[in-house]
Amino acid sequence: LNRNLNTKIVLAATLTIYLMGYLVILLGEITQASVPLSTAMLDAHFMTINRTSGFDTIAPGEMGLLSQLMLILLMFIGGSPGSVAGGIKMMVFAVLALTVWSTLTGRRQTEIFGRTIPDAVVRKSATLITLSLATVMTVTGVLAATEVAAGHTLDQILFEATSAFGTTGLSMGVTQDATTTGQIALMVAMFVGRVGPLAVLAGLL
């Protein structure tokens, strides 16, 4: 992609994802976590901004289910291309979202800011997201099979698998109690998430 277009997409995606994350986490904290409005506003801002840093102002396990679900999505998306953040990257997410919007509006090509995104970029983005989802779901399945005896719920396991894939450092307490098989699955998720599913698959092939 053209550098100027890349910058515009990243800035627009950053603002959109921030607003989406802030509002949903704020709603979840107010309605499900029973915290004061001022605290909920700070938590929503910090957790949205620092979704890949491992720092938190409220333990993920103390957040409402709606906030946890939003945080899972934010960890999966990750940061911008070229950053040290994990996840699929905001550019990839933006390209797929734009492709869906273009399809719904009857356009034959993915367009943004008066420019057309090449089909090769769209295909690579779709491939990366598909492989990333497969990675998270596979690790979630392994943890669901090995960590049930410890009393962990599905939302905790999904959160832990996504956090490992996004190399965020956030935890619901599953990792520290995980079995050897579960820890290996989490390590594989962290490696794949750090290197990138597309790069890992290309290397294997």
C-alpha atoms as a PDB file:
ATOM      1  CA  LEU A   1       0.000   0.000   0.000  1.00  0.00           C
ATOM      2  CA  ASN A   2       1.006   3.597  -0.576  1.00  0.00           C
ATOM      3  CA  ARG A   3       2.655   5.006   2.561  1.00  0.00           C
ATOM      4  CA  ASN A   4       0.240   7.951   2.829  1.00  0.00           C
ATOM      5  CA  LEU A   5      -2.767   5.675   2.392  1.00  0.00           C
ATOM      6  CA  ASN A   6      -1.338   3.259   4.959  1.00  0.00           C
ATOM      7  CA  THR A   7      -0.988   6.101   7.477  1.00  0.00           C
ATOM      8  CA  LYS A   8      -4.543   7.320   6.893  1.00  0.00           C
ATOM      9  CA  ILE A   9      -6.003   3.827   7.331  1.00  0.00           C
ATOM     10  CA  VAL A  10      -4.011   3.165  10.514  1.00  0.00           C
ATOM     11  CA  LEU A  11      -5.013   6.502  12.069  1.00  0.00           C
ATOM     12  CA  ALA A  12      -8.678   6.008  11.169  1.00  0.00           C
ATOM     13  CA  ALA A  13      -8.630   2.411  12.440  1.00  0.00           C
ATOM     14  CA  THR A  14      -6.905   3.464  15.673  1.00  0.00           C
ATOM     15  CA  LEU A  15      -9.567   6.071  16.421  1.00  0.00           C
ATOM     16  CA  THR A  16     -12.437   3.755  15.480  1.00  0.00           C
ATOM     17  CA  ILE A  17     -11.153   0.825  17.532  1.00  0.00           C
ATOM     18  CA  TYR A  18     -10.406   3.075  20.504  1.00  0.00           C
ATOM     19  CA  LEU A  19     -13.911   4.549  20.529  1.00  0.00           C
ATOM     20  CA  MET A  20     -15.488   1.120  20.082  1.00  0.00           C
ATOM     21  CA  GLY A  21     -13.417  -0.417  22.870  1.00  0.00           C
ATOM     22  CA  TYR A  22     -13.866   2.530  25.230  1.00  0.00           C
ATOM     23  CA  LEU A  23     -17.647   2.669  24.911  1.00  0.00           C
ATOM     24  CA  VAL A  24     -18.221  -1.089  25.203  1.00  0.00           C
ATOM     25  CA  ILE A  25     -15.855  -1.551  28.156  1.00  0.00           C
ATOM     26  CA  LEU A  26     -17.368   1.505  29.849  1.00  0.00           C
ATOM     27  CA  LEU A  27     -20.854   0.058  29.393  1.00  0.00           C
ATOM     28  CA  GLY A  28     -19.729  -3.317  30.721  1.00  0.00           C
ATOM     29  CA  GLU A  29     -18.057  -1.781  33.771  1.00  0.00           C
ATOM     30  CA  ILE A  30     -21.074   0.381  34.636  1.00  0.00           C
ATOM     31  CA  THR A  31     -23.711  -2.317  34.185  1.00  0.00           C
ATOM     32  CA  GLN A  32     -21.853  -5.471  35.272  1.00  0.00           C
ATOM     33  CA  ALA A  33     -18.870  -4.564  37.460  1.00  0.00           C
ATOM     34  CA  SER A  34     -20.670  -2.132  39.765  1.00  0.00           C
ATOM     35  CA  VAL A  35     -17.888   0.461  39.835  1.00  0.00           C
ATOM     36  CA  PRO A  36     -18.264   4.259  40.075  1.00  0.00           C
ATOM     37  CA  LEU A  37     -18.610   6.130  36.779  1.00  0.00           C
ATOM     38  CA  SER A  38     -15.278   7.948  37.197  1.00  0.00           C
ATOM     39  CA  THR A  39     -13.453   4.672  37.839  1.00  0.00           C
ATOM     40  CA  ALA A  40     -15.228   2.974  34.943  1.00  0.00           C
ATOM     41  CA  MET A  41     -14.174   5.795  32.603  1.00  0.00           C
ATOM     42  CA  LEU A  42     -10.527   5.474  33.651  1.00  0.00           C
ATOM     43  CA  ASP A  43     -10.612   1.681  33.378  1.00  0.00           C
ATOM     44  CA  ALA A  44     -12.220   1.824  29.915  1.00  0.00           C
ATOM     45  CA  HIS A  45      -9.617   4.302  28.659  1.00  0.00           C
ATOM     46  CA  PHE A  46      -6.588   2.526  30.110  1.00  0.00           C
ATOM     47  CA  MET A  47      -7.636  -1.013  29.165  1.00  0.00           C
ATOM     48  CA  THR A  48      -8.432   0.059  25.595  1.00  0.00           C
ATOM     49  CA  ILE A  49      -5.141   1.907  25.125  1.00  0.00           C
ATOM     50  CA  ASN A  50      -2.975  -0.684  26.914  1.00  0.00           C
ATOM     51  CA  ARG A  51      -4.642  -3.812  25.581  1.00  0.00           C
ATOM     52  CA  THR A  52      -1.291  -5.223  24.417  1.00  0.00           C
ATOM     53  CA  SER A  53       1.050  -3.972  27.163  1.00  0.00           C
ATOM     54  CA  GLY A  54       0.153  -6.323  30.021  1.00  0.00           C
ATOM     55  CA  PHE A  55      -0.688  -3.466  32.422  1.00  0.00           C
ATOM     56  CA  ASP A  56      -4.161  -3.052  33.874  1.00  0.00           C
ATOM     57  CA  THR A  57      -6.091  -0.780  36.227  1.00  0.00           C
ATOM     58  CA  ILE A  58      -8.602  -3.531  36.953  1.00  0.00           C
ATOM     59  CA  ALA A  59      -7.938  -7.267  36.919  1.00  0.00           C
ATOM     60  CA  PRO A  60      -9.543  -8.857  33.832  1.00  0.00           C
ATOM     61  CA  GLY A  61     -11.270 -11.385  36.086  1.00  0.00           C
ATOM     62  CA  GLU A  62     -13.041  -8.543  37.909  1.00  0.00           C
ATOM     63  CA  MET A  63     -14.400  -6.995  34.727  1.00  0.00           C
ATOM     64  CA  GLY A  64     -17.915  -7.610  33.485  1.00  0.00           C
ATOM     65  CA  LEU A  65     -18.477 -10.254  30.807  1.00  0.00           C
ATOM     66  CA  LEU A  66     -19.215  -7.586  28.190  1.00  0.00           C
ATOM     67  CA  SER A  67     -15.929  -5.827  29.008  1.00  0.00           C
ATOM     68  CA  GLN A  68     -14.041  -9.132  28.885  1.00  0.00           C
ATOM     69  CA  LEU A  69     -15.537  -9.945  25.484  1.00  0.00           C
ATOM     70  CA  MET A  70     -14.514  -6.535  24.142  1.00  0.00           C
ATOM     71  CA  LEU A  71     -11.021  -6.958  25.565  1.00  0.00           C
ATOM     72  CA  ILE A  72     -10.724 -10.342  23.836  1.00  0.00           C
ATOM     73  CA  LEU A  73     -11.505  -8.666  20.504  1.00  0.00           C
ATOM     74  CA  LEU A  74      -9.056  -5.832  21.202  1.00  0.00           C
ATOM     75  CA  MET A  75      -6.277  -8.297  22.095  1.00  0.00           C
ATOM     76  CA  PHE A  76      -6.976 -10.262  18.923  1.00  0.00           C
ATOM     77  CA  ILE A  77      -6.736  -7.118  16.785  1.00  0.00           C
ATOM     78  CA  GLY A  78      -3.563  -5.939  18.517  1.00  0.00           C
ATOM     79  CA  GLY A  79      -1.586  -2.859  17.505  1.00  0.00           C
ATOM     80  CA  SER A  80      -0.368  -1.124  14.370  1.00  0.00           C
ATOM     81  CA  PRO A  81       1.979  -2.643  11.749  1.00  0.00           C
ATOM     82  CA  GLY A  82       5.618  -2.117  12.637  1.00  0.00           C
ATOM     83  CA  SER A  83       4.914  -1.954  16.375  1.00  0.00           C
ATOM     84  CA  VAL A  84       5.947  -4.546  18.958  1.00  0.00           C
ATOM     85  CA  ALA A  85       2.295  -5.291  19.723  1.00  0.00           C
ATOM     86  CA  GLY A  86       0.893  -8.704  18.900  1.00  0.00           C
ATOM     87  CA  GLY A  87      -2.435  -9.618  17.329  1.00  0.00           C
ATOM     88  CA  ILE A  88      -3.428  -9.578  13.679  1.00  0.00           C
ATOM     89  CA  LYS A  89      -2.678  -5.811  13.507  1.00  0.00           C
ATOM     90  CA  MET A  90      -5.134  -2.989  12.953  1.00  0.00           C
ATOM     91  CA  MET A  91      -4.302  -2.688   9.248  1.00  0.00           C
ATOM     92  CA  VAL A  92      -5.399  -6.276   8.606  1.00  0.00           C
ATOM     93  CA  PHE A  93      -8.598  -5.774  10.581  1.00  0.00           C
ATOM     94  CA  ALA A  94      -9.303  -2.516   8.746  1.00  0.00           C
ATOM     95  CA  VAL A  95      -8.793  -4.095   5.326  1.00  0.00           C
ATOM     96  CA  LEU A  96     -11.224  -6.913   6.139  1.00  0.00           C
ATOM     97  CA  ALA A  97     -13.800  -4.485   7.577  1.00  0.00           C
ATOM     98  CA  LEU A  98     -13.510  -2.292   4.471  1.00  0.00           C
ATOM     99  CA  THR A  99     -13.908  -5.355   2.260  1.00  0.00           C
ATOM    100  CA  VAL A 100     -17.087  -6.359   4.077  1.00  0.00           C
ATOM    101  CA  TRP A 101     -18.423  -2.807   3.775  1.00  0.00           C
ATOM    102  CA  SER A 102     -17.582  -2.653   0.062  1.00  0.00           C
ATOM    103  CA  THR A 103     -19.393  -5.957  -0.497  1.00  0.00           C
ATOM    104  CA  LEU A 104     -22.475  -4.776   1.406  1.00  0.00           C
ATOM    105  CA  THR A 105     -22.590  -1.535  -0.595  1.00  0.00           C
ATOM    106  CA  GLY A 106     -22.295  -3.363  -3.926  1.00  0.00           C
ATOM    107  CA  ARG A 107     -18.760  -2.303  -4.822  1.00  0.00           C
ATOM    108  CA  ARG A 108     -16.594  -4.705  -6.774  1.00  0.00           C
ATOM    109  CA  GLN A 109     -13.364  -3.550  -5.144  1.00  0.00           C
ATOM    110  CA  THR A 110     -12.266  -2.511  -1.660  1.00  0.00           C
ATOM    111  CA  GLU A 111     -11.997   1.266  -1.560  1.00  0.00           C
ATOM    112  CA  ILE A 112     -11.020   3.839   1.062  1.00  0.00           C
ATOM    113  CA  PHE A 113     -10.206   7.557   0.815  1.00  0.00           C
ATOM    114  CA  GLY A 114     -10.778   7.414  -2.944  1.00  0.00           C
ATOM    115  CA  ARG A 115      -8.162   4.678  -3.413  1.00  0.00           C
ATOM    116  CA  THR A 116      -8.515   0.998  -4.255  1.00  0.00           C
ATOM    117  CA  ILE A 117      -6.853  -1.633  -2.062  1.00  0.00           C
ATOM    118  CA  PRO A 118      -5.261  -4.361  -4.236  1.00  0.00           C
ATOM    119  CA  ASP A 119      -6.947  -7.781  -4.185  1.00  0.00           C
ATOM    120  CA  ALA A 120      -3.635  -9.368  -3.183  1.00  0.00           C
ATOM    121  CA  VAL A 121      -3.662  -7.343   0.057  1.00  0.00           C
ATOM    122  CA  VAL A 122      -7.283  -8.317   0.704  1.00  0.00           C
ATOM    123  CA  ARG A 123      -6.509 -12.026   0.194  1.00  0.00           C
ATOM    124  CA  LYS A 124      -3.477 -11.915   2.470  1.00  0.00           C
ATOM    125  CA  SER A 125      -5.489 -10.144   5.162  1.00  0.00           C
ATOM    126  CA  ALA A 126      -8.306 -12.697   4.951  1.00  0.00           C
ATOM    127  CA  THR A 127      -5.777 -15.540   5.090  1.00  0.00           C
ATOM    128  CA  LEU A 128      -4.026 -14.080   8.124  1.00  0.00           C
ATOM    129  CA  ILE A 129      -7.283 -13.574  10.016  1.00  0.00           C
ATOM    130  CA  THR A 130      -8.466 -17.097   9.186  1.00  0.00           C
ATOM    131  CA  LEU A 131      -5.192 -18.662  10.358  1.00  0.00           C
ATOM    132  CA  SER A 132      -5.205 -16.508  13.489  1.00  0.00           C
ATOM    133  CA  LEU A 133      -8.756 -17.530  14.359  1.00  0.00           C
ATOM    134  CA  ALA A 134      -7.830 -21.161  13.769  1.00  0.00           C
ATOM    135  CA  THR A 135      -4.859 -20.779  16.115  1.00  0.00           C
ATOM    136  CA  VAL A 136      -6.926 -19.217  18.905  1.00  0.00           C
ATOM    137  CA  MET A 137      -9.722 -21.769  18.534  1.00  0.00           C
ATOM    138  CA  THR A 138      -7.278 -24.692  18.512  1.00  0.00           C
ATOM    139  CA  VAL A 139      -5.539 -23.493  21.678  1.00  0.00           C
ATOM    140  CA  THR A 140      -8.927 -22.817  23.285  1.00  0.00           C
ATOM    141  CA  GLY A 141      -9.958 -26.378  22.429  1.00  0.00           C
ATOM    142  CA  VAL A 142      -6.801 -27.835  23.971  1.00  0.00           C
ATOM    143  CA  LEU A 143      -7.277 -25.789  27.142  1.00  0.00           C
ATOM    144  CA  ALA A 144     -10.953 -26.750  27.299  1.00  0.00           C
ATOM    145  CA  ALA A 145      -9.892 -30.406  27.211  1.00  0.00           C
ATOM    146  CA  THR A 146      -7.072 -30.120  29.745  1.00  0.00           C
ATOM    147  CA  GLU A 147      -8.084 -27.396  32.194  1.00  0.00           C
ATOM    148  CA  VAL A 148     -11.708 -28.273  32.973  1.00  0.00           C
ATOM    149  CA  ALA A 149     -10.708 -30.148  36.114  1.00  0.00           C
ATOM    150  CA  ALA A 150      -9.253 -26.929  37.558  1.00  0.00           C
ATOM    151  CA  GLY A 151     -12.680 -25.290  37.379  1.00  0.00           C
ATOM    152  CA  HIS A 152     -11.891 -22.759  34.667  1.00  0.00           C
ATOM    153  CA  THR A 153     -14.814 -21.525  32.561  1.00  0.00           C
ATOM    154  CA  LEU A 154     -14.937 -21.180  28.792  1.00  0.00           C
ATOM    155  CA  ASP A 155     -14.720 -17.379  28.906  1.00  0.00           C
ATOM    156  CA  GLN A 156     -11.564 -17.600  31.036  1.00  0.00           C
ATOM    157  CA  ILE A 157     -10.013 -20.154  28.686  1.00  0.00           C
ATOM    158  CA  LEU A 158     -10.864 -18.130  25.558  1.00  0.00           C
ATOM    159  CA  PHE A 159      -9.440 -15.002  27.199  1.00  0.00           C
ATOM    160  CA  GLU A 160      -6.219 -16.815  28.082  1.00  0.00           C
ATOM    161  CA  ALA A 161      -5.800 -18.286  24.580  1.00  0.00           C
ATOM    162  CA  THR A 162      -6.369 -14.901  22.924  1.00  0.00           C
ATOM    163  CA  SER A 163      -4.020 -13.186  25.371  1.00  0.00           C
ATOM    164  CA  ALA A 164      -1.302 -15.737  24.589  1.00  0.00           C
ATOM    165  CA  PHE A 165      -1.790 -15.317  20.839  1.00  0.00           C
ATOM    166  CA  GLY A 166      -1.676 -11.533  21.164  1.00  0.00           C
ATOM    167  CA  THR A 167       1.301 -11.749  23.583  1.00  0.00           C
ATOM    168  CA  THR A 168      -0.469  -9.171  25.757  1.00  0.00           C
ATOM    169  CA  GLY A 169       0.551 -10.339  29.230  1.00  0.00           C
ATOM    170  CA  LEU A 170      -3.013 -10.151  30.569  1.00  0.00           C
ATOM    171  CA  SER A 171      -4.356 -13.221  32.362  1.00  0.00           C
ATOM    172  CA  MET A 172      -7.463 -14.642  33.966  1.00  0.00           C
ATOM    173  CA  GLY A 173      -5.393 -16.953  36.164  1.00  0.00           C
ATOM    174  CA  VAL A 174      -5.492 -19.997  33.875  1.00  0.00           C
ATOM    175  CA  THR A 175      -1.812 -19.993  32.876  1.00  0.00           C
ATOM    176  CA  GLN A 176      -0.403 -20.266  36.387  1.00  0.00           C
ATOM    177  CA  ASP A 177      -2.539 -23.334  37.130  1.00  0.00           C
ATOM    178  CA  ALA A 178      -2.378 -24.915  33.671  1.00  0.00           C
ATOM    179  CA  THR A 179      -1.276 -28.479  33.088  1.00  0.00           C
ATOM    180  CA  THR A 180       1.886 -29.220  31.139  1.00  0.00           C
ATOM    181  CA  THR A 181      -0.156 -29.785  27.986  1.00  0.00           C
ATOM    182  CA  GLY A 182      -2.010 -26.522  28.519  1.00  0.00           C
ATOM    183  CA  GLN A 183       1.218 -24.591  29.076  1.00  0.00           C
ATOM    184  CA  ILE A 184       2.725 -26.040  25.903  1.00  0.00           C
ATOM    185  CA  ALA A 185      -0.396 -25.011  23.960  1.00  0.00           C
ATOM    186  CA  LEU A 186      -0.099 -21.477  25.350  1.00  0.00           C
ATOM    187  CA  MET A 187       3.593 -21.320  24.442  1.00  0.00           C
ATOM    188  CA  VAL A 188       2.815 -22.400  20.889  1.00  0.00           C
ATOM    189  CA  ALA A 189       0.112 -19.710  20.709  1.00  0.00           C
ATOM    190  CA  MET A 190       2.587 -17.071  21.887  1.00  0.00           C
ATOM    191  CA  PHE A 191       5.189 -18.166  19.343  1.00  0.00           C
ATOM    192  CA  VAL A 192       2.723 -18.228  16.459  1.00  0.00           C
ATOM    193  CA  GLY A 193       1.194 -14.918  17.550  1.00  0.00           C
ATOM    194  CA  ARG A 194       4.616 -13.277  17.796  1.00  0.00           C
ATOM    195  CA  VAL A 195       5.957 -14.560  14.466  1.00  0.00           C
ATOM    196  CA  GLY A 196       2.641 -14.421  12.653  1.00  0.00           C
ATOM    197  CA  PRO A 197       0.501 -17.357  11.435  1.00  0.00           C
ATOM    198  CA  LEU A 198       1.185 -16.494   7.801  1.00  0.00           C
ATOM    199  CA  ALA A 199       4.962 -16.488   8.338  1.00  0.00           C
ATOM    200  CA  VAL A 200       4.810 -19.719  10.343  1.00  0.00           C
ATOM    201  CA  LEU A 201       2.745 -21.455   7.660  1.00  0.00           C
ATOM    202  CA  ALA A 202       5.006 -20.155   4.885  1.00  0.00           C
ATOM    203  CA  GLY A 203       8.032 -21.438   6.793  1.00  0.00           C
ATOM    204  CA  LEU A 204       6.484 -24.866   7.264  1.00  0.00           C
ATOM    205  CA  LEU A 205       5.546 -25.129   3.591  1.00  0.00           C
END
